[in-house]
Protein backbone atom coordinates (compact mmCIF):
# COMPACT_ATOMS: atom_id res chain seq x y z
CA MET A 1 0.00 0.00 0.00
CA ASN A 2 1.10 3.53 -0.77
CA GLU A 3 1.51 5.31 2.54
CA GLN A 4 1.77 9.08 2.79
CA SER A 5 3.41 11.08 5.48
CA PRO A 6 1.08 13.24 7.58
CA ASN A 7 2.53 16.40 6.02
CA GLU A 8 1.82 15.22 2.46
CA PHE A 9 -1.72 14.22 3.38
CA GLU A 10 -2.32 17.57 5.09
CA ALA A 11 -0.97 19.44 2.07
CA LYS A 12 -3.33 17.54 -0.25
CA VAL A 13 -6.30 18.25 2.03
CA GLN A 14 -5.44 21.96 2.11
CA ALA A 15 -5.14 22.03 -1.70
CA VAL A 16 -8.58 20.40 -2.11
CA LEU A 17 -10.12 22.79 0.42
CA GLN A 18 -8.67 25.81 -1.36
CA GLN A 19 -10.03 24.62 -4.71
CA ASN A 20 -13.52 24.08 -3.31
CA THR A 21 -13.69 27.27 -1.24
CA PRO A 22 -15.52 30.14 -2.93
CA GLY A 23 -14.15 33.70 -2.79
CA PRO A 24 -14.55 35.89 0.26
CA VAL A 25 -17.78 35.30 2.12
CA ARG A 26 -19.96 38.32 2.77
CA LYS A 27 -20.57 38.90 6.43
CA THR A 28 -23.33 41.44 5.82
CA ALA A 29 -26.15 41.20 3.29
CA SER A 30 -25.92 43.78 0.51
CA TRP A 31 -29.44 45.06 1.21
CA LYS A 32 -28.39 45.89 4.78
CA VAL A 33 -25.37 47.86 3.56
CA THR A 34 -27.50 49.71 0.99
CA LEU A 35 -30.15 50.53 3.59
CA ALA A 36 -27.50 51.74 6.03
CA LEU A 37 -25.96 53.96 3.32
CA ALA A 38 -29.37 55.47 2.58
CA VAL A 39 -30.54 55.95 6.17
CA PHE A 40 -27.34 56.52 8.18
CA PRO A 41 -24.24 56.70 5.94
CA PRO A 42 -21.60 56.38 8.70
CA LEU A 43 -23.03 52.95 9.55
CA GLY A 44 -22.96 52.02 5.86
CA PHE A 45 -19.32 53.13 5.60
CA TYR A 46 -18.46 51.06 8.67
CA LEU A 47 -20.17 47.96 7.25
CA MET A 48 -18.34 48.44 3.95
CA TRP A 49 -15.05 48.88 5.83
CA LYS A 50 -15.59 45.77 7.96
CA ASP A 51 -16.58 43.49 5.06
CA LYS A 52 -13.84 43.40 2.42
CA THR A 53 -16.27 42.24 -0.29
CA TYR A 54 -17.78 45.75 -0.28
CA HIS A 55 -14.50 47.65 -0.71
CA SER A 56 -15.20 48.04 -4.44
CA TRP A 57 -18.35 49.99 -3.54
CA PHE A 58 -16.17 52.87 -2.34
CA SER A 59 -15.09 53.57 -5.92
CA TRP A 60 -18.70 53.61 -7.14
CA LEU A 61 -19.79 55.91 -4.35
CA ASN A 62 -16.94 58.32 -5.07
CA TRP A 63 -17.86 58.39 -8.76
CA VAL A 64 -21.56 58.94 -8.08
CA PHE A 65 -20.99 61.71 -5.54
CA GLY A 66 -18.29 63.38 -7.65
CA ILE A 67 -20.47 63.43 -10.76
CA PHE A 68 -23.47 64.61 -8.70
CA LEU A 69 -21.45 67.56 -7.36
CA LEU A 70 -20.25 68.49 -10.86
CA VAL A 71 -23.80 68.44 -12.20
CA TYR A 72 -25.12 70.34 -9.19
CA ILE A 73 -22.49 73.09 -9.36
CA TRP A 74 -23.13 73.49 -13.09
CA TYR A 75 -26.88 73.70 -12.46
CA ALA A 76 -26.43 76.15 -9.59
CA VAL A 77 -24.04 78.48 -11.42
CA TYR A 78 -25.69 78.52 -14.84
CA ILE A 79 -29.39 77.98 -14.14
CA LEU A 80 -30.45 78.27 -10.50
CA ILE A 81 -28.50 81.32 -9.31
CA PRO A 82 -29.37 83.48 -12.37
CA GLN A 83 -33.06 82.63 -11.95
CA ILE A 84 -32.97 83.43 -8.24
CA ASN A 85 -31.17 86.73 -8.87
CA HIS A 86 -33.74 87.65 -11.51
CA ALA A 87 -36.56 86.88 -9.08
CA LEU A 88 -34.87 88.70 -6.19
CA GLY A 89 -34.04 91.76 -8.27
CA GLY A 90 -37.24 93.43 -7.11
CA ILE A 91 -36.87 92.48 -3.44
CA ASN A 92 -34.33 94.66 -1.63
CA GLY A 93 -31.72 94.02 -4.35
CA LYS A 94 -30.33 90.87 -2.65
CA VAL A 95 -28.03 88.81 -4.86
CA VAL A 96 -27.04 85.15 -4.67
CA SER A 97 -23.48 84.46 -5.76
CA LEU A 98 -20.67 81.98 -5.52
CA SER A 99 -17.15 83.31 -5.76
CA SER A 100 -14.84 81.97 -8.44
CA PHE A 101 -12.74 80.38 -5.73
CA GLU A 102 -15.73 78.52 -4.29
CA THR A 103 -16.77 77.28 -7.70
CA ILE A 104 -13.24 76.16 -8.65
CA ALA A 105 -12.74 74.51 -5.24
CA ILE A 106 -15.96 72.50 -5.56
CA VAL A 107 -15.19 71.48 -9.16
CA GLY A 108 -11.64 70.51 -8.09
CA PHE A 109 -12.99 68.50 -5.17
CA SER A 110 -15.39 66.68 -7.50
CA ILE A 111 -12.66 65.85 -10.01
CA LEU A 112 -10.36 64.70 -7.19
CA GLN A 113 -13.12 62.46 -5.88
CA ILE A 114 -13.69 60.88 -9.31
CA ALA A 115 -9.93 60.33 -9.75
CA ILE A 116 -9.65 58.72 -6.31
CA GLY A 117 -12.58 56.49 -7.28
CA PHE A 118 -10.46 55.17 -10.16
CA TRP A 119 -7.48 54.74 -7.83
CA ILE A 120 -9.66 52.78 -5.39
CA ARG A 121 -10.98 50.59 -8.22
CA PHE A 122 -7.41 49.83 -9.38
CA SER A 123 -6.30 49.04 -5.82
CA VAL A 124 -9.23 46.70 -5.19
CA ARG A 125 -8.63 44.84 -8.46
CA LYS A 126 -4.93 44.53 -7.72
CA ASN A 127 -5.04 43.59 -4.02
CA GLY A 128 -8.59 42.32 -3.55
CA GLU A 129 -9.17 44.89 -0.80
CA LEU A 130 -8.24 48.41 0.21
CA GLY A 131 -5.48 49.28 2.60
CA ARG A 132 -6.29 51.17 5.77
CA GLY A 133 -5.04 54.50 4.36
CA MET A 134 -7.17 54.24 1.23
CA LEU A 135 -10.21 53.28 3.29
CA ILE A 136 -9.77 56.33 5.51
CA CYS A 137 -9.27 58.55 2.45
CA ALA A 138 -12.43 57.20 0.80
CA ILE A 139 -14.50 57.63 3.95
CA VAL A 140 -13.23 61.18 4.53
CA LEU A 141 -14.11 62.16 0.95
CA LEU A 142 -17.53 60.58 1.18
CA SER A 143 -18.13 62.32 4.51
CA LEU A 144 -17.19 65.69 3.00
CA ASP A 145 -19.89 65.08 0.40
CA TYR A 146 -22.44 65.75 3.08
CA PHE A 147 -20.90 69.15 3.93
CA VAL A 148 -20.24 70.59 0.46
CA PRO A 149 -23.87 70.51 -0.76
CA THR A 150 -25.01 71.86 2.61
CA TYR A 151 -22.62 74.78 2.16
CA LEU A 152 -23.98 75.40 -1.35
CA TYR A 153 -27.58 75.27 -0.14
CA SER A 154 -26.81 77.80 2.58
CA LYS A 155 -25.13 80.14 0.09
CA ILE A 156 -28.24 80.02 -2.10
CA ILE A 157 -30.93 80.05 0.61
CA GLU A 158 -29.51 82.76 2.91
CA PRO A 159 -30.04 85.70 0.52
CA ILE A 160 -33.55 84.49 -0.29
CA TYR A 161 -34.36 84.18 3.40
CA SER A 162 -32.96 87.62 4.25
CA ALA A 163 -34.70 89.24 1.24
CA ILE A 164 -38.07 87.84 2.25
CA LEU A 165 -37.77 88.62 5.95
CA GLY A 166 -36.17 91.95 5.28
């Protein structure tokens, strides 16, 4: 009979187990992560961070938010603000405006976010997951996405509010 040493047998068992093991197993259902992102984004970011199978979602989120900000700033500068200024022209002469610096900073932030989305996508494809530094960078950028539109809204709403209330 052909006898094998315990090490050879163990190596064969490990090889068979590796062949029959699927890729990384998701710890959290995708619907839970999606719901968390919609209802309370920090929880969604944490779930994506914890479960390596969702690391590729960071690139998609950066692309979506970056493109949304580009479209929104274009809409605000070329359509919304001129219409508001036309409507407010007769009420105390209040004017809504964004400085060139603000506009360029928001466009630059959006382009940076899209570029980092590509960098994240490349890193996930290469390594199968994101390193801690890239995860922190992605989460910081996505968190800033909740402050930039709020800043824009306040810049647009404040003159309207003060014009109406006098």
